[in-house]
Protein backbone atom coordinates (compact mmCIF):
# COMPACT_ATOMS: atom_id res chain seq x y z
CA MET A 1 81.15 -39.27 -21.41
CA ASP A 2 84.17 -40.54 -23.36
CA ASP A 3 83.62 -42.89 -26.27
CA PHE A 4 79.96 -41.95 -26.59
CA MET A 5 78.04 -41.51 -29.84
CA GLU A 6 74.68 -39.90 -30.36
CA CYS A 7 72.96 -39.38 -33.68
CA GLU A 8 69.51 -39.05 -35.19
CA GLY A 9 67.83 -39.68 -38.49
CA THR A 10 64.81 -41.08 -40.27
CA VAL A 11 63.99 -44.51 -41.62
CA LYS A 12 61.19 -45.66 -43.91
CA SER A 13 58.72 -48.05 -42.35
CA PHE A 14 56.82 -50.82 -44.13
CA ASP A 15 54.55 -48.33 -45.93
CA SER A 16 57.21 -45.67 -46.57
CA VAL A 17 56.15 -43.49 -43.62
CA LYS A 18 59.38 -41.97 -42.28
CA LEU A 19 60.06 -42.61 -38.60
CA PHE A 20 62.29 -40.20 -36.69
CA PHE A 21 64.77 -41.91 -34.37
CA LYS A 22 67.70 -41.19 -32.09
CA LYS A 23 70.41 -43.50 -30.88
CA ASP A 24 72.74 -42.97 -27.93
CA LEU A 25 75.57 -45.49 -27.73
CA PRO A 26 78.58 -46.03 -25.51
CA LYS A 27 81.58 -47.48 -27.36
CA ALA A 28 80.87 -51.09 -26.39
CA PRO A 29 77.28 -51.34 -25.12
CA LYS A 30 76.59 -54.34 -22.93
CA ALA A 31 72.94 -54.26 -24.02
CA ILE A 32 70.60 -52.27 -26.25
CA ILE A 33 67.30 -50.83 -25.04
CA ILE A 34 64.66 -49.82 -27.57
CA MET A 35 62.26 -47.33 -26.03
CA VAL A 36 58.62 -46.94 -27.13
CA HIS A 37 56.80 -43.84 -25.92
CA GLY A 38 53.15 -43.39 -25.04
CA ILE A 39 50.19 -41.65 -26.65
CA CYS A 40 50.49 -37.94 -27.47
CA GLU A 41 54.16 -37.75 -26.41
CA HIS A 42 57.54 -38.09 -28.13
CA LEU A 43 61.04 -39.51 -27.66
CA GLY A 44 62.40 -36.26 -26.22
CA ARG A 45 60.53 -36.88 -22.97
CA TYR A 46 62.95 -39.75 -22.28
CA ASN A 47 66.21 -37.77 -22.32
CA TYR A 48 66.89 -38.28 -18.60
CA VAL A 49 66.19 -42.00 -18.68
CA THR A 50 68.36 -42.38 -21.77
CA LYS A 51 71.25 -40.56 -20.07
CA LYS A 52 71.02 -42.88 -17.06
CA PHE A 53 70.94 -46.00 -19.23
CA VAL A 54 73.96 -44.88 -21.24
CA GLU A 55 75.86 -44.17 -18.00
CA HIS A 56 75.08 -47.75 -17.01
CA GLY A 57 76.60 -49.05 -20.24
CA TYR A 58 73.50 -49.58 -22.36
CA GLY A 59 72.89 -48.28 -25.85
CA VAL A 60 69.48 -46.69 -26.38
CA TYR A 61 67.40 -46.49 -29.56
CA ARG A 62 64.35 -44.20 -29.40
CA PHE A 63 61.82 -43.32 -32.07
CA ASP A 64 58.68 -41.25 -32.46
CA ASN A 65 55.61 -43.35 -33.18
CA ARG A 66 53.93 -42.48 -36.48
CA GLY A 67 51.70 -39.43 -36.13
CA HIS A 68 53.78 -38.27 -33.16
CA GLY A 69 56.83 -36.07 -32.62
CA LYS A 70 59.00 -35.68 -35.70
CA SER A 71 57.82 -38.86 -37.44
CA GLU A 72 55.59 -38.67 -40.48
CA GLY A 73 51.94 -39.65 -40.45
CA GLU A 74 48.76 -37.78 -39.71
CA ARG A 75 48.93 -36.26 -36.23
CA GLY A 76 47.28 -38.41 -33.59
CA TYR A 77 45.97 -40.95 -36.07
CA VAL A 78 46.64 -44.57 -36.98
CA GLU A 79 44.76 -46.70 -39.48
CA ASP A 80 45.49 -50.02 -37.73
CA PHE A 81 47.10 -50.60 -34.34
CA LYS A 82 49.36 -53.23 -35.89
CA HIS A 83 51.11 -50.48 -37.84
CA PHE A 84 52.72 -49.45 -34.55
CA LEU A 85 54.02 -52.99 -34.09
CA TYR A 86 55.41 -53.07 -37.62
CA ASP A 87 57.13 -49.72 -37.01
CA ALA A 88 58.73 -51.00 -33.80
CA ASP A 89 60.10 -53.97 -35.72
CA VAL A 90 61.83 -51.65 -38.16
CA ILE A 91 63.75 -50.11 -35.26
CA VAL A 92 64.47 -53.52 -33.72
CA ASN A 93 65.98 -54.69 -36.99
CA ILE A 94 68.21 -51.62 -37.20
CA ALA A 95 69.40 -52.06 -33.62
CA LYS A 96 70.10 -55.77 -34.09
CA ASN A 97 71.92 -55.26 -37.40
CA GLU A 98 74.07 -52.47 -35.98
CA ASN A 99 74.86 -54.34 -32.76
CA PRO A 100 75.42 -58.01 -33.61
CA ASN A 101 75.77 -60.32 -30.61
CA VAL A 102 74.57 -57.62 -28.18
CA PRO A 103 71.40 -58.44 -26.17
CA VAL A 104 68.42 -56.30 -27.19
CA PHE A 105 65.56 -55.32 -24.89
CA MET A 106 62.43 -53.22 -25.41
CA LEU A 107 60.96 -50.79 -22.90
CA GLY A 108 57.49 -49.39 -23.53
CA HIS A 109 55.39 -46.93 -21.53
CA SER A 110 51.57 -46.70 -21.52
CA MET A 111 50.47 -47.01 -25.17
CA GLY A 112 54.11 -47.89 -25.77
CA GLY A 113 53.60 -50.64 -23.21
CA PHE A 114 50.72 -51.94 -25.29
CA ILE A 115 52.94 -51.78 -28.39
CA THR A 116 55.66 -53.64 -26.49
CA ALA A 117 53.27 -56.36 -25.32
CA GLY A 118 51.79 -56.65 -28.80
CA TYR A 119 55.28 -56.87 -30.26
CA GLY A 120 56.02 -59.69 -27.85
CA VAL A 121 53.04 -61.62 -29.18
CA MET A 122 53.69 -60.88 -32.86
CA TYR A 123 57.49 -61.24 -32.90
CA PRO A 124 58.58 -64.02 -30.52
CA GLY A 125 62.28 -64.76 -30.19
CA LYS A 126 63.68 -61.49 -31.56
CA LEU A 127 64.48 -59.82 -28.23
CA ASN A 128 66.18 -60.85 -25.01
CA GLY A 129 63.41 -59.40 -22.90
CA GLN A 130 60.95 -56.58 -22.34
CA ILE A 131 60.18 -53.98 -19.69
CA LEU A 132 56.65 -52.56 -19.48
CA SER A 133 55.76 -49.34 -17.67
CA GLY A 134 52.09 -48.58 -16.98
CA ALA A 135 51.19 -50.68 -20.01
CA ALA A 136 47.68 -50.17 -21.39
CA VAL A 137 46.93 -53.84 -22.01
CA ILE A 138 43.30 -54.12 -20.84
CA GLU A 139 40.12 -52.24 -21.58
CA LEU A 140 40.03 -49.13 -19.42
CA PRO A 141 36.99 -47.35 -17.95
CA GLN A 142 37.58 -44.50 -20.43
CA SER A 143 36.94 -46.96 -23.26
CA LEU A 144 33.25 -47.04 -22.41
CA GLU A 145 32.94 -43.42 -23.50
CA LEU A 146 35.06 -44.13 -26.56
CA LYS A 147 32.71 -46.90 -27.66
CA LYS A 148 29.92 -44.32 -27.88
CA ILE A 149 31.84 -42.77 -30.78
CA ASP A 150 31.86 -44.89 -33.92
CA TYR A 151 35.53 -44.35 -34.66
CA ASN A 152 35.28 -46.15 -37.99
CA VAL A 153 32.46 -43.90 -39.16
CA GLN A 154 34.02 -40.80 -37.59
CA PRO A 155 37.73 -41.66 -37.64
CA HIS A 156 38.81 -38.01 -37.45
CA PHE A 157 36.56 -37.04 -34.55
CA LYS A 158 38.88 -35.01 -32.32
CA VAL A 159 39.37 -36.01 -28.71
CA PRO A 160 41.26 -33.51 -26.49
CA ASN A 161 44.31 -34.63 -24.54
CA LEU A 162 43.26 -34.30 -20.89
CA LEU A 163 46.07 -36.39 -19.42
CA GLY A 164 48.31 -33.58 -18.19
CA ASN A 165 47.15 -33.16 -14.62
CA VAL A 166 47.31 -36.87 -13.81
CA ILE A 167 50.46 -38.06 -15.58
CA CYS A 168 52.72 -37.50 -12.58
CA SER A 169 52.60 -36.36 -8.95
CA ASP A 170 55.43 -33.89 -9.64
CA PRO A 171 53.84 -30.56 -10.67
CA ASN A 172 56.95 -29.58 -12.60
CA VAL A 173 56.55 -32.63 -14.86
CA VAL A 174 52.89 -31.71 -15.39
CA LYS A 175 53.82 -28.13 -16.29
CA GLU A 176 56.52 -29.24 -18.73
CA TYR A 177 54.12 -31.71 -20.35
CA GLU A 178 51.38 -29.11 -20.81
CA ASN A 179 53.82 -26.53 -22.21
CA ASP A 180 55.64 -28.96 -24.51
CA PRO A 181 54.84 -27.99 -28.12
CA MET A 182 55.67 -31.51 -29.27
CA VAL A 183 53.01 -33.09 -27.05
CA LEU A 184 49.77 -33.57 -29.00
CA LYS A 185 46.84 -31.55 -27.69
CA GLU A 186 44.30 -33.89 -29.28
CA THR A 187 44.03 -37.26 -30.99
CA ASP A 188 41.65 -38.76 -33.51
CA ALA A 189 39.00 -41.19 -32.32
CA LYS A 190 40.40 -43.80 -34.72
CA LEU A 191 43.74 -43.95 -32.89
CA LEU A 192 42.03 -44.35 -29.54
CA GLY A 193 39.67 -46.99 -30.87
CA GLU A 194 42.45 -48.95 -32.54
CA ILE A 195 44.56 -49.09 -29.36
CA PHE A 196 42.11 -49.10 -26.48
CA VAL A 197 39.32 -51.17 -28.06
CA GLU A 198 40.58 -53.18 -31.06
CA GLY A 199 44.13 -53.53 -29.79
CA VAL A 200 43.38 -54.66 -26.25
CA GLU A 201 40.75 -57.09 -27.51
CA TRP A 202 43.33 -58.62 -29.87
CA LEU A 203 45.86 -58.79 -27.07
CA ASP A 204 43.35 -60.44 -24.76
CA VAL A 205 42.77 -63.20 -27.32
CA ASN A 206 46.50 -63.68 -27.94
CA ILE A 207 48.05 -63.01 -24.52
CA LYS A 208 48.96 -66.67 -23.93
CA LYS A 209 51.32 -66.46 -26.90
CA TYR A 210 53.50 -63.99 -24.99
CA GLU A 211 56.63 -65.79 -23.72
CA TYR A 212 59.36 -63.14 -23.33
CA PRO A 213 61.28 -62.62 -20.11
CA CYS A 214 59.64 -59.47 -18.79
CA LEU A 215 59.67 -56.91 -16.01
CA ILE A 216 56.20 -55.41 -15.50
CA LEU A 217 56.15 -52.07 -13.65
CA HIS A 218 53.26 -49.82 -12.60
CA GLY A 219 52.44 -46.89 -10.38
CA GLY A 220 50.27 -47.78 -7.41
CA ASP A 221 48.31 -44.53 -7.77
CA ASP A 222 48.18 -44.50 -11.58
CA LYS A 223 45.09 -42.48 -12.51
CA ILE A 224 45.29 -43.15 -16.26
CA VAL A 225 45.94 -46.90 -16.61
CA THR A 226 44.84 -48.92 -13.59
CA ASN A 227 47.56 -51.20 -12.26
CA GLU A 228 45.07 -54.04 -12.72
CA ALA A 229 46.37 -53.97 -16.31
CA SER A 230 49.84 -55.05 -15.21
CA LYS A 231 48.41 -57.64 -12.84
CA PHE A 232 46.33 -59.04 -15.71
CA MET A 233 49.38 -59.33 -17.94
CA TYR A 234 51.51 -60.95 -15.25
CA LYS A 235 48.79 -63.51 -14.55
CA ASN A 236 47.97 -64.43 -18.14
CA ILE A 237 51.22 -64.48 -20.12
CA SER A 238 53.10 -67.74 -20.67
CA SER A 239 56.53 -66.36 -19.73
CA LYS A 240 58.54 -68.53 -17.38
CA ASP A 241 60.71 -65.55 -16.43
CA LYS A 242 58.43 -62.72 -15.30
CA GLU A 243 58.44 -60.16 -12.51
CA ILE A 244 55.99 -57.46 -11.45
CA LYS A 245 56.49 -54.44 -9.22
CA ILE A 246 53.93 -51.84 -8.15
CA TYR A 247 55.37 -48.54 -6.88
CA GLU A 248 53.05 -47.26 -4.18
CA GLY A 249 52.29 -43.54 -4.39
CA PHE A 250 53.56 -43.24 -7.97
CA TYR A 251 51.28 -41.91 -10.70
CA HIS A 252 51.29 -43.00 -14.35
CA GLU A 253 54.75 -41.84 -15.42
CA ILE A 254 56.90 -43.83 -13.02
CA LEU A 255 60.00 -42.82 -15.00
CA ASN A 256 59.28 -39.17 -14.23
CA GLU A 257 58.29 -39.45 -10.56
CA THR A 258 60.60 -38.02 -7.87
CA GLY A 259 61.63 -41.62 -7.15
CA LYS A 260 62.47 -42.33 -10.79
CA ASP A 261 66.11 -43.17 -10.09
CA GLY A 262 64.96 -46.16 -8.04
CA VAL A 263 62.83 -47.37 -10.94
CA ILE A 264 65.76 -46.99 -13.33
CA GLU A 265 67.99 -48.95 -10.95
CA ASP A 266 65.38 -51.72 -10.78
CA ILE A 267 65.36 -51.91 -14.58
CA CYS A 268 69.15 -51.94 -14.83
CA SER A 269 69.45 -54.63 -12.17
CA TRP A 270 66.89 -56.79 -13.98
CA ILE A 271 68.66 -56.42 -17.33
CA ASP A 272 72.11 -57.01 -15.86
CA LYS A 273 70.98 -60.38 -14.56
CA ARG A 274 69.93 -61.41 -18.08
CA ILE A 275 72.97 -60.45 -20.15
């Protein structure tokens, strides 16, 4: 593509942890999308989506969450779920400073969807809108097992990553995920407890504070995060501008399903109407 810039680097977060990021920018982006990945994965798994967004005229900022990918931090660990929200704000500030007067949106998947929703509560008014994909915003059945582990007493108790087989209905995506050396093979109990117990409880208490325009998306056959999570968010947020769409037959990673181009078009159409 002509007049296209892509670069990468690191930036210090609030506590000096270095976050690895990439930015892909057409010459005059009509909007910026900040992408927040899910648990155990990394920004590189969003190359296709990024390419499609750039072709549509959007600039994309991606970063590896702390403890993931090429960012610093203990692998698969976080001391406090709010650290993820603070990290996201560092990237938002960079994107806004580098693109004055350009609308900025955030797209988060799974745990990244939780981070996106939490960001919406903690930082009102900084973005033009948010898109949530399979967002983990309610307590899940798996959390019952997690509660049996005292993650504050045993914060480094290792929990294997068993998500591979159910992330997507496309076996090629599953194979790539399981063979990806950058995908974490385990996480610490503390990270899981902070997100899926402490984090969702905090979000439940504060969900009415969420007011961003938002597009809430979920796979109808998601076997990791029930689509009841998206329905809960849609019902309980205070946003006046909100939409929800459930893709029947899609598993958790709707942006990797064989029908992913339709999902991307839905996102682009939604953004275009708000810029």
